[in-house]
């Protein structure tokens, strides 16, 4: 291995990940990471037969399994029911916003936040446009609440899954430590958006709207919800999260009603490949001692505290995205004096940092992209105006809570 060749290949790849593309090439983040792995192999920086050793199989299985669970919820009509109940239970914009934030936050804690945004955005958008409302504050609420809510559990987002598998922190302990941060953060979203969009939230009631056909597969929805309940019980009982989620996915595949090709079509294969390639890239850094040397040069190794780790995590998460940031910081946190506190801080800060700008998380981009297809422009500046305040306030809450309850 050559230190500088390894470092240059990985850094160039990470620049591409940060940009999301490369000039004059038709590539995306996934293909860039695969190319990076190919360059490491071509220059002899990692042996081909060792590739499997760098893969975190538990995390990949967990991510795949949760995608299967979400696909069954989508095909059974769960998200249509959720959007319908959202409107039926709320008659005014302020209450609607509160319930939307709570719904997005809770669902994102239980399932993948990106998937929640993918499923709920078109439903919420259609509802608001039919009512003649300004959808922008509600779209910002959906994206930021999904990110914040996903902070609470090991299965809320991809970076938490990595942390859960790497740390071995029990599901209940993780949720107990970070759920208060998530709940307080959801409250911050509501307050900030009501203050930033006073014109939208001045009305007390929505006009009545005729209800539409929900088109639900009731037997399949019932089965899926029962399987999810059993999976959550398994999480709380201490069953490894990857194992519990995989068994749930296997049970859901055992069906007479749902075409398996439709389920597999809902799986984000690109994200799974992206993760696998990232594991290899960061594994190469660790194997060559680059990660250790970089953080020793920063005098960061072994001297973790909640504010320092939060600051580094927020900066890295907004430079290269939160998943690569977590992978880079894994060896540092694992080798620290208080690893559990470090893992929890990394989970909270890397996730909350995603609300800073429109480009900060995949969930944000999903919401903006779906909105653009309906000629609704959620611009970078419009999002960032609220996102900066929400991120700053939620990070303060996170630092204060973790310092008081977790760090010693």
Protein backbone atom coordinates (compact mmCIF):
# COMPACT_ATOMS: atom_id res chain seq x y z
CA UNK A 1 0.00 0.00 0.00
CA UNK A 2 1.11 3.57 -0.69
CA UNK A 3 -0.12 6.22 1.74
CA UNK A 4 -0.37 9.04 -0.80
CA UNK A 5 -1.93 7.05 -3.64
CA UNK A 6 -4.56 5.70 -1.25
CA UNK A 7 -5.25 9.13 0.21
CA UNK A 8 -5.54 10.89 -3.17
CA UNK A 9 -7.93 8.28 -4.60
CA UNK A 10 -10.22 8.42 -1.57
CA UNK A 11 -10.12 12.24 -1.34
CA UNK A 12 -10.97 12.66 -5.03
CA UNK A 13 -13.82 10.19 -4.58
CA UNK A 14 -15.09 12.09 -1.55
CA UNK A 15 -15.00 15.36 -3.49
CA UNK A 16 -17.19 13.68 -6.09
CA UNK A 17 -19.54 12.47 -3.34
CA UNK A 18 -19.77 16.02 -1.99
CA UNK A 19 -20.52 17.44 -5.46
CA UNK A 20 -22.85 14.59 -6.38
CA UNK A 21 -21.28 14.51 -9.85
CA UNK A 22 -18.01 15.01 -11.71
CA UNK A 23 -17.44 17.56 -14.51
CA UNK A 24 -18.09 16.22 -18.02
CA UNK A 25 -18.93 12.74 -16.75
CA UNK A 26 -22.34 11.09 -16.49
CA UNK A 27 -21.85 9.77 -12.97
CA UNK A 28 -23.57 10.00 -9.59
CA UNK A 29 -22.52 9.35 -6.01
CA UNK A 30 -22.98 5.60 -6.34
CA UNK A 31 -20.97 5.17 -9.53
CA UNK A 32 -18.26 7.50 -8.20
CA UNK A 33 -17.75 5.33 -5.12
CA UNK A 34 -17.61 2.20 -7.29
CA UNK A 35 -15.01 3.89 -9.53
CA UNK A 36 -13.04 4.81 -6.40
CA UNK A 37 -12.98 1.16 -5.33
CA UNK A 38 -11.88 0.18 -8.84
CA UNK A 39 -8.97 2.65 -8.69
CA UNK A 40 -7.87 1.29 -5.30
CA UNK A 41 -7.82 -2.20 -6.81
CA UNK A 42 -6.05 -1.08 -10.00
CA UNK A 43 -3.26 0.63 -8.04
CA UNK A 44 -2.86 -2.30 -5.67
CA UNK A 45 -4.07 -0.43 -2.59
CA UNK A 46 -6.41 -3.22 -1.51
CA UNK A 47 -6.30 -6.91 -2.42
CA UNK A 48 -9.34 -8.15 -4.35
CA UNK A 49 -9.75 -11.19 -2.10
CA UNK A 50 -10.03 -8.89 0.95
CA UNK A 51 -12.97 -6.83 -0.32
CA UNK A 52 -15.52 -8.85 1.62
CA UNK A 53 -13.61 -8.15 4.84
CA UNK A 54 -14.33 -4.43 4.50
CA UNK A 55 -18.08 -4.87 4.03
CA UNK A 56 -20.34 -4.39 7.04
CA UNK A 57 -22.77 -7.17 6.17
CA UNK A 58 -25.03 -6.55 9.19
CA UNK A 59 -25.66 -2.94 8.14
CA UNK A 60 -26.34 -3.90 4.52
CA UNK A 61 -28.79 -6.61 5.61
CA UNK A 62 -30.53 -4.19 7.98
CA UNK A 63 -30.87 -1.52 5.30
CA UNK A 64 -32.19 -4.00 2.72
CA UNK A 65 -34.66 -5.50 5.22
CA UNK A 66 -36.09 -2.11 6.21
CA UNK A 67 -36.53 -1.27 2.53
CA UNK A 68 -38.55 -4.48 2.13
CA UNK A 69 -40.73 -3.56 5.11
CA UNK A 70 -41.30 -0.06 3.71
CA UNK A 71 -42.13 -1.47 0.27
CA UNK A 72 -44.86 -3.68 1.75
CA UNK A 73 -46.30 -0.70 3.64
CA UNK A 74 -46.36 1.32 0.42
CA UNK A 75 -47.97 -1.42 -1.68
CA UNK A 76 -50.59 -2.12 0.99
CA UNK A 77 -51.67 1.54 1.04
CA UNK A 78 -50.40 2.49 4.50
CA UNK A 79 -49.07 5.89 3.48
CA UNK A 80 -52.34 6.81 1.74
CA UNK A 81 -54.17 6.02 4.98
CA UNK A 82 -51.68 8.13 6.94
CA UNK A 83 -52.18 11.14 4.65
CA UNK A 84 -55.98 10.72 4.77
CA UNK A 85 -55.97 10.64 8.57
CA UNK A 86 -53.68 13.66 8.61
CA UNK A 87 -56.36 15.74 6.91
CA UNK A 88 -59.38 14.21 8.67
CA UNK A 89 -57.92 14.83 12.13
CA UNK A 90 -56.92 18.44 11.44
CA UNK A 91 -59.07 21.32 10.25
CA UNK A 92 -56.68 24.28 10.53
CA UNK A 93 -53.17 24.99 9.20
CA UNK A 94 -51.43 25.18 12.58
CA UNK A 95 -52.89 21.88 13.78
CA UNK A 96 -52.25 20.31 10.36
CA UNK A 97 -48.60 21.39 10.56
CA UNK A 98 -48.26 19.96 14.08
CA UNK A 99 -49.79 16.60 13.13
CA UNK A 100 -47.76 16.45 9.89
CA UNK A 101 -44.54 17.06 11.84
CA UNK A 102 -45.45 14.46 14.46
CA UNK A 103 -46.50 11.91 11.82
CA UNK A 104 -43.33 12.37 9.76
CA UNK A 105 -41.17 12.28 12.88
CA UNK A 106 -42.72 9.14 14.38
CA UNK A 107 -42.80 7.22 11.08
CA UNK A 108 -39.18 8.19 10.38
CA UNK A 109 -38.15 6.91 13.81
CA UNK A 110 -39.73 3.54 13.07
CA UNK A 111 -38.74 3.26 9.41
CA UNK A 112 -36.30 4.90 6.99
CA UNK A 113 -36.67 8.68 6.85
CA UNK A 114 -35.88 8.85 3.12
CA UNK A 115 -38.68 6.40 2.35
CA UNK A 116 -41.14 8.32 4.52
CA UNK A 117 -40.42 11.48 2.51
CA UNK A 118 -40.70 9.56 -0.75
CA UNK A 119 -44.14 8.23 0.19
CA UNK A 120 -45.67 11.19 2.05
CA UNK A 121 -44.49 14.11 -0.11
CA UNK A 122 -46.78 13.51 -3.13
CA UNK A 123 -49.76 12.84 -0.86
CA UNK A 124 -49.26 15.93 1.29
CA UNK A 125 -48.50 18.05 -1.78
CA UNK A 126 -51.67 16.97 -3.59
CA UNK A 127 -53.75 17.68 -0.50
CA UNK A 128 -52.32 21.18 0.01
CA UNK A 129 -52.57 22.19 -3.64
CA UNK A 130 -56.20 21.07 -3.77
CA UNK A 131 -56.83 23.30 -0.74
CA UNK A 132 -55.09 26.25 -2.40
CA UNK A 133 -52.43 26.51 0.32
CA UNK A 134 -48.78 27.54 0.07
CA UNK A 135 -47.05 24.13 0.24
CA UNK A 136 -43.53 25.43 0.97
CA UNK A 137 -43.64 25.54 4.81
CA UNK A 138 -45.30 22.12 4.91
CA UNK A 139 -42.65 20.65 2.60
CA UNK A 140 -39.88 22.08 4.78
CA UNK A 141 -41.68 20.66 7.81
CA UNK A 142 -41.87 17.20 6.23
CA UNK A 143 -38.17 17.08 5.34
CA UNK A 144 -36.83 18.51 8.60
CA UNK A 145 -39.22 16.50 10.80
CA UNK A 146 -38.28 13.28 8.99
CA UNK A 147 -34.60 13.97 9.64
CA UNK A 148 -35.15 14.93 13.28
CA UNK A 149 -37.51 12.04 14.00
CA UNK A 150 -35.06 9.56 12.52
CA UNK A 151 -32.53 10.61 15.17
CA UNK A 152 -34.46 8.69 17.81
CA UNK A 153 -33.79 5.09 16.77
CA UNK A 154 -31.22 2.78 15.23
CA UNK A 155 -33.50 2.13 12.25
CA UNK A 156 -34.45 5.74 11.51
CA UNK A 157 -31.76 6.46 8.94
CA UNK A 158 -28.76 4.79 7.27
CA UNK A 159 -26.10 6.44 9.42
CA UNK A 160 -27.84 5.33 12.62
CA UNK A 161 -27.91 1.78 11.26
CA UNK A 162 -24.14 1.92 10.79
CA UNK A 163 -23.72 3.27 14.32
CA UNK A 164 -26.04 0.62 15.76
CA UNK A 165 -24.14 -2.25 14.19
CA UNK A 166 -20.72 -0.74 14.97
CA UNK A 167 -21.48 0.18 18.58
CA UNK A 168 -23.68 -2.70 19.71
CA UNK A 169 -25.83 -0.24 21.67
CA UNK A 170 -29.22 -1.89 22.44
CA UNK A 171 -32.21 -0.50 20.55
CA UNK A 172 -34.02 0.55 23.74
CA UNK A 173 -30.96 2.29 25.21
CA UNK A 174 -30.37 4.23 21.99
CA UNK A 175 -34.02 5.27 21.75
CA UNK A 176 -34.15 6.23 25.41
CA UNK A 177 -31.16 8.52 25.02
CA UNK A 178 -32.15 10.30 21.80
CA UNK A 179 -35.97 10.29 21.74
CA UNK A 180 -36.14 13.42 23.97
CA UNK A 181 -33.83 15.23 21.54
CA UNK A 182 -36.07 14.23 18.63
CA UNK A 183 -39.31 15.26 20.36
CA UNK A 184 -37.94 18.65 21.39
CA UNK A 185 -36.57 19.08 17.87
CA UNK A 186 -39.99 18.44 16.32
CA UNK A 187 -41.37 21.21 18.52
CA UNK A 188 -38.66 23.54 17.24
CA UNK A 189 -39.70 22.86 13.63
CA UNK A 190 -43.31 23.86 14.36
CA UNK A 191 -42.35 27.08 16.17
CA UNK A 192 -39.83 28.19 13.55
CA UNK A 193 -42.16 27.61 10.59
CA UNK A 194 -45.16 29.28 12.22
CA UNK A 195 -42.98 32.32 12.95
CA UNK A 196 -41.37 32.37 9.50
CA UNK A 197 -44.66 31.99 7.58
CA UNK A 198 -47.23 34.03 9.54
CA UNK A 199 -49.42 34.64 6.47
CA UNK A 200 -49.92 30.91 5.85
CA UNK A 201 -50.83 30.11 9.45
CA UNK A 202 -53.16 33.04 10.07
CA UNK A 203 -56.30 31.14 9.01
CA UNK A 204 -58.03 29.02 11.64
CA UNK A 205 -59.72 26.47 9.37
CA UNK A 206 -59.27 24.69 6.06
CA UNK A 207 -62.18 24.54 3.62
CA UNK A 208 -64.01 21.21 3.47
CA UNK A 209 -62.76 18.76 0.84
CA UNK A 210 -64.45 15.70 -0.60
CA UNK A 211 -62.73 12.50 0.51
CA UNK A 212 -61.32 10.17 -2.16
CA UNK A 213 -61.03 6.41 -2.51
CA UNK A 214 -58.11 5.09 -0.46
CA UNK A 215 -57.55 1.80 -2.34
CA UNK A 216 -56.14 -0.22 0.57
CA UNK A 217 -55.14 -3.89 0.58
CA UNK A 218 -56.53 -4.56 4.05
CA UNK A 219 -55.32 -8.16 4.57
CA UNK A 220 -51.82 -7.27 3.42
CA UNK A 221 -51.77 -4.09 5.50
CA UNK A 222 -52.90 -5.99 8.60
CA UNK A 223 -50.23 -8.64 8.08
CA UNK A 224 -47.52 -6.03 7.49
CA UNK A 225 -48.42 -4.08 10.63
CA UNK A 226 -48.44 -7.27 12.73
CA UNK A 227 -45.02 -8.25 11.38
CA UNK A 228 -43.70 -4.76 12.12
CA UNK A 229 -45.06 -4.96 15.66
CA UNK A 230 -43.27 -8.29 16.16
CA UNK A 231 -40.09 -6.77 14.73
CA UNK A 232 -40.25 -3.83 17.15
CA UNK A 233 -40.81 -6.22 20.06
CA UNK A 234 -37.70 -8.06 18.90
CA UNK A 235 -35.73 -4.82 18.84
CA UNK A 236 -36.80 -3.97 22.39
CA UNK A 237 -36.14 -7.53 23.60
CA UNK A 238 -32.51 -7.26 22.55
CA UNK A 239 -32.60 -9.30 19.34
CA UNK A 240 -29.89 -7.92 16.99
CA UNK A 241 -31.62 -5.31 14.84
CA UNK A 242 -30.30 -6.73 11.57
CA UNK A 243 -31.55 -10.21 12.45
CA UNK A 244 -35.00 -9.02 13.60
CA UNK A 245 -35.45 -6.86 10.49
CA UNK A 246 -34.29 -9.63 8.15
CA UNK A 247 -36.68 -12.16 9.69
CA UNK A 248 -39.51 -9.62 9.32
CA UNK A 249 -38.62 -9.16 5.64
CA UNK A 250 -38.60 -12.94 5.13
CA UNK A 251 -42.08 -13.28 6.66
CA UNK A 252 -43.40 -10.47 4.44
CA UNK A 253 -41.99 -12.15 1.33
CA UNK A 254 -44.08 -15.21 2.22
CA UNK A 255 -47.32 -14.01 0.59
CA UNK A 256 -49.95 -14.92 -1.99
CA UNK A 257 -51.15 -11.37 -2.68
CA UNK A 258 -48.12 -9.18 -3.40
CA UNK A 259 -46.03 -9.61 -6.53
CA UNK A 260 -42.41 -9.97 -5.33
CA UNK A 261 -41.19 -8.11 -8.42
CA UNK A 262 -43.15 -5.06 -7.26
CA UNK A 263 -41.51 -5.27 -3.83
CA UNK A 264 -38.03 -5.65 -5.31
CA UNK A 265 -38.71 -2.71 -7.65
CA UNK A 266 -39.20 -0.51 -4.57
CA UNK A 267 -35.74 -1.40 -3.19
CA UNK A 268 -33.13 1.35 -3.57
CA UNK A 269 -30.39 -0.84 -5.02
CA UNK A 270 -28.29 2.21 -5.83
CA UNK A 271 -28.14 3.13 -2.14
CA UNK A 272 -27.09 -0.41 -1.19
CA UNK A 273 -24.26 -0.37 -3.74
CA UNK A 274 -23.24 3.11 -2.52
CA UNK A 275 -23.00 1.79 1.04
CA UNK A 276 -21.00 -1.28 0.04
CA UNK A 277 -18.48 0.81 -1.91
CA UNK A 278 -18.21 3.35 0.92
CA UNK A 279 -17.42 0.57 3.39
CA UNK A 280 -14.54 -0.50 1.14
CA UNK A 281 -13.23 3.08 0.72
CA UNK A 282 -13.21 3.83 4.44
CA UNK A 283 -11.87 0.35 5.18
CA UNK A 284 -8.92 1.08 2.91
CA UNK A 285 -8.25 4.31 4.82
CA UNK A 286 -8.28 2.48 8.13
CA UNK A 287 -6.15 -0.42 6.86
CA UNK A 288 -3.49 2.00 5.64
CA UNK A 289 -3.54 3.94 8.93
CA UNK A 290 -4.67 7.13 7.19
CA UNK A 291 -7.69 7.78 9.40
CA UNK A 292 -5.60 7.33 12.55
CA UNK A 293 -2.84 9.64 11.31
CA UNK A 294 -5.24 12.37 10.21
CA UNK A 295 -7.03 12.55 13.53
CA UNK A 296 -3.78 12.32 15.48
CA UNK A 297 -2.57 15.32 13.49
CA UNK A 298 -5.70 17.16 14.60
CA UNK A 299 -5.07 16.05 18.20
CA UNK A 300 -8.63 14.73 18.17
CA UNK A 301 -8.01 11.07 18.99
CA UNK A 302 -9.00 10.12 22.53
CA UNK A 303 -9.99 13.67 23.49
CA UNK A 304 -13.64 13.58 22.53
CA UNK A 305 -16.23 15.83 24.09
CA UNK A 306 -19.79 16.53 23.08
CA UNK A 307 -19.16 19.98 21.59
CA UNK A 308 -15.98 19.01 19.72
CA UNK A 309 -17.45 15.85 18.22
CA UNK A 310 -20.67 17.65 17.29
CA UNK A 311 -18.72 20.43 15.55
CA UNK A 312 -16.52 18.04 13.54
CA UNK A 313 -19.52 15.87 12.65
CA UNK A 314 -21.61 18.85 11.46
CA UNK A 315 -18.78 20.16 9.26
CA UNK A 316 -17.99 16.75 7.75
CA UNK A 317 -21.68 15.93 7.25
CA UNK A 318 -22.18 19.08 5.20
CA UNK A 319 -18.97 18.58 3.23
CA UNK A 320 -19.35 14.93 2.21
CA UNK A 321 -22.85 13.98 3.53
CA UNK A 322 -23.68 12.30 6.82
CA UNK A 323 -23.13 8.64 5.90
CA UNK A 324 -19.53 9.13 4.69
CA UNK A 325 -18.90 11.40 7.70
CA UNK A 326 -20.04 8.68 10.11
CA UNK A 327 -17.88 6.11 8.35
CA UNK A 328 -14.84 8.38 8.65
CA UNK A 329 -15.45 9.05 12.34
CA UNK A 330 -16.21 5.44 13.30
CA UNK A 331 -12.67 4.48 14.34
CA UNK A 332 -12.24 7.70 16.31
CA UNK A 333 -15.41 7.19 18.34
CA UNK A 334 -14.79 3.47 18.82
CA UNK A 335 -11.36 4.18 20.32
CA UNK A 336 -12.45 7.01 22.60
CA UNK A 337 -12.67 6.97 26.39
CA UNK A 338 -16.50 7.21 26.31
CA UNK A 339 -17.56 5.32 23.18
CA UNK A 340 -21.29 5.07 24.01
CA UNK A 341 -21.53 8.82 24.57
CA UNK A 342 -19.53 9.36 21.40
CA UNK A 343 -21.77 7.10 19.30
CA UNK A 344 -24.93 8.82 20.54
CA UNK A 345 -23.45 12.25 19.88
CA UNK A 346 -22.35 11.22 16.40
CA UNK A 347 -25.82 9.85 15.62
CA UNK A 348 -27.57 13.03 16.75
CA UNK A 349 -25.17 15.55 15.23
CA UNK A 350 -24.72 13.87 11.84
CA UNK A 351 -28.50 13.56 11.44
CA UNK A 352 -29.47 17.02 12.68
CA UNK A 353 -26.74 18.55 10.50
CA UNK A 354 -28.71 17.33 7.48
CA UNK A 355 -31.29 20.07 8.03
CA UNK A 356 -28.81 22.91 7.51
CA UNK A 357 -29.28 23.27 3.75
CA UNK A 358 -31.36 21.71 1.01
CA UNK A 359 -28.34 19.62 0.00
CA UNK A 360 -27.73 18.40 3.56
CA UNK A 361 -29.67 15.14 3.33
CA UNK A 362 -31.24 12.81 0.80
CA UNK A 363 -34.63 13.36 2.48
CA UNK A 364 -34.46 17.08 1.66
CA UNK A 365 -33.60 16.40 -1.97
CA UNK A 366 -36.42 13.86 -2.30
CA UNK A 367 -38.97 16.40 -1.09
CA UNK A 368 -37.63 19.14 -3.38
CA UNK A 369 -37.47 16.87 -6.43
CA UNK A 370 -41.03 15.56 -6.02
CA UNK A 371 -42.27 19.13 -5.49
CA UNK A 372 -40.55 20.31 -8.69
CA UNK A 373 -42.49 17.72 -10.70
CA UNK A 374 -45.66 19.50 -9.55
CA UNK A 375 -44.23 22.92 -10.48
CA UNK A 376 -43.59 23.80 -6.82
CA UNK A 377 -40.14 25.33 -6.37
CA UNK A 378 -38.56 24.63 -2.99
CA UNK A 379 -35.43 26.69 -3.62
CA UNK A 380 -32.07 26.41 -1.87
CA UNK A 381 -32.45 29.86 -0.32
CA UNK A 382 -36.05 29.35 0.77
CA UNK A 383 -35.19 26.10 2.51
CA UNK A 384 -31.95 27.36 4.07
CA UNK A 385 -33.66 30.38 5.63
CA UNK A 386 -35.57 28.05 7.96
CA UNK A 387 -33.08 25.18 7.91
CA UNK A 388 -30.23 27.14 9.46
CA UNK A 389 -32.36 28.22 12.42
CA UNK A 390 -33.85 24.75 12.92
CA UNK A 391 -30.41 23.12 12.76
CA UNK A 392 -28.80 25.61 15.14
CA UNK A 393 -31.56 25.27 17.76
CA UNK A 394 -31.79 21.47 17.56
CA UNK A 395 -28.01 21.10 17.83
CA UNK A 396 -28.05 23.27 20.96
CA UNK A 397 -30.75 21.02 22.43
CA UNK A 398 -28.74 17.93 21.48
CA UNK A 399 -25.48 19.19 23.00
CA UNK A 400 -27.12 20.30 26.25
CA UNK A 401 -29.13 17.08 26.63
CA UNK A 402 -26.25 14.73 25.86
CA UNK A 403 -23.84 16.67 28.06
CA UNK A 404 -26.27 16.44 30.97
CA UNK A 405 -27.46 12.86 30.50
CA UNK A 406 -24.76 10.88 28.69
CA UNK A 407 -21.29 12.40 28.98
CA UNK A 408 -19.39 12.05 32.24
